[in-house]
Amino acid sequence: MATFPDEVYSPRTKENKTGVEYDPDKTKIIYAEDTTKLDDEVVAIETELHGALTREYADNAAAKTGGLVNGQFYRTGDIVKIVHD
């Protein structure tokens, strides 16, 4: 099986330029708050994928019996799979 990094991505702290105030209605300017939200998504995805590598089930039915819900990842051997209906 492939190895996964031991640590999840940890984004650096970002700040807006001095005097710039966050306005979510302005979509043409990138604010620190916007990129922080993207960083949070990356961390969430990496965390879920890391969980997939530690959750091994024979098939979809076994994964559901094990408590996983639709959309979660698990693996069977070296193959990463997604729980589905």
Protein backbone atom coordinates (compact mmCIF):
# COMPACT_ATOMS: atom_id res chain seq x y z
CA MET A 1 0.00 0.00 0.00
CA ALA A 2 1.14 3.54 -0.69
CA THR A 3 2.32 5.57 2.26
CA PHE A 4 0.67 8.80 3.34
CA PRO A 5 2.49 11.71 4.96
CA ASP A 6 2.48 11.50 8.74
CA GLU A 7 1.35 15.07 9.10
CA VAL A 8 -1.49 16.94 7.49
CA TYR A 9 -0.72 20.16 5.61
CA SER A 10 -0.42 23.08 8.00
CA PRO A 11 -0.97 26.40 6.24
CA ARG A 12 0.95 29.50 7.22
CA THR A 13 -0.84 32.40 8.89
CA LYS A 14 -2.10 34.96 6.40
CA GLU A 15 -3.09 38.56 7.02
CA ASN A 16 -4.71 41.26 4.93
CA LYS A 17 -2.60 44.25 3.95
CA THR A 18 -2.60 47.04 6.48
CA GLY A 19 -5.77 49.12 6.22
CA VAL A 20 -7.66 46.54 4.13
CA GLU A 21 -10.92 45.38 5.67
CA TYR A 22 -12.58 42.12 4.65
CA ASP A 23 -15.69 42.54 2.48
CA PRO A 24 -17.16 39.19 1.34
CA ASP A 25 -19.23 40.95 -1.33
CA LYS A 26 -16.09 42.01 -3.21
CA THR A 27 -15.21 39.04 -5.39
CA LYS A 28 -12.31 40.51 -7.38
CA ILE A 29 -10.01 40.98 -4.39
CA ILE A 30 -8.37 38.08 -2.57
CA TYR A 31 -8.50 38.49 1.19
CA ALA A 32 -6.64 36.46 3.80
CA GLU A 33 -10.01 35.17 5.00
CA ASP A 34 -10.72 33.68 1.56
CA THR A 35 -7.44 31.80 1.32
CA THR A 36 -7.75 30.61 4.92
CA LYS A 37 -11.07 28.98 4.02
CA LEU A 38 -9.34 27.18 1.14
CA ASP A 39 -6.57 26.04 3.48
CA ASP A 40 -9.23 24.67 5.84
CA GLU A 41 -10.73 22.68 2.94
CA VAL A 42 -7.34 21.22 2.04
CA VAL A 43 -6.80 20.14 5.64
CA ALA A 44 -10.29 18.58 5.79
CA ILE A 45 -9.70 16.64 2.54
CA GLU A 46 -6.28 15.41 3.66
CA THR A 47 -7.71 14.37 7.03
CA GLU A 48 -10.53 12.42 5.34
CA LEU A 49 -8.13 10.75 2.91
CA HIS A 50 -5.79 9.83 5.75
CA GLY A 51 -8.78 8.25 7.49
CA ALA A 52 -9.53 6.30 4.32
CA LEU A 53 -6.12 4.71 4.49
CA THR A 54 -6.71 3.52 8.04
CA ARG A 55 -10.29 2.27 7.42
CA GLU A 56 -10.25 -1.05 5.60
CA TYR A 57 -13.43 -2.90 4.66
CA ALA A 58 -14.10 -5.81 2.32
CA ASP A 59 -16.79 -3.92 0.38
CA ASN A 60 -19.36 -1.14 0.42
CA ALA A 61 -21.82 -3.09 2.60
CA ALA A 62 -19.13 -3.81 5.19
CA ALA A 63 -18.14 -0.14 5.25
CA LYS A 64 -21.75 0.87 5.92
CA THR A 65 -22.06 -1.78 8.62
CA GLY A 66 -18.87 -0.32 10.09
CA GLY A 67 -20.58 3.06 10.45
CA LEU A 68 -19.43 4.92 7.35
CA VAL A 69 -21.92 7.03 5.41
CA ASN A 70 -22.28 7.92 1.73
CA GLY A 71 -19.37 9.99 0.46
CA GLN A 72 -16.80 8.77 3.00
CA PHE A 73 -13.63 7.06 1.85
CA TYR A 74 -12.33 3.62 2.84
CA ARG A 75 -10.01 1.11 1.26
CA THR A 76 -9.99 -2.51 0.21
CA GLY A 77 -6.38 -3.56 0.01
CA ASP A 78 -4.63 -0.90 -2.06
CA ILE A 79 -7.81 0.48 -3.65
CA VAL A 80 -9.44 3.60 -2.17
CA LYS A 81 -13.23 3.52 -2.49
CA ILE A 82 -16.20 5.77 -1.68
CA VAL A 83 -19.25 4.64 0.27
CA HIS A 84 -22.37 4.83 -1.90
CA ASP A 85 -26.00 3.64 -2.16
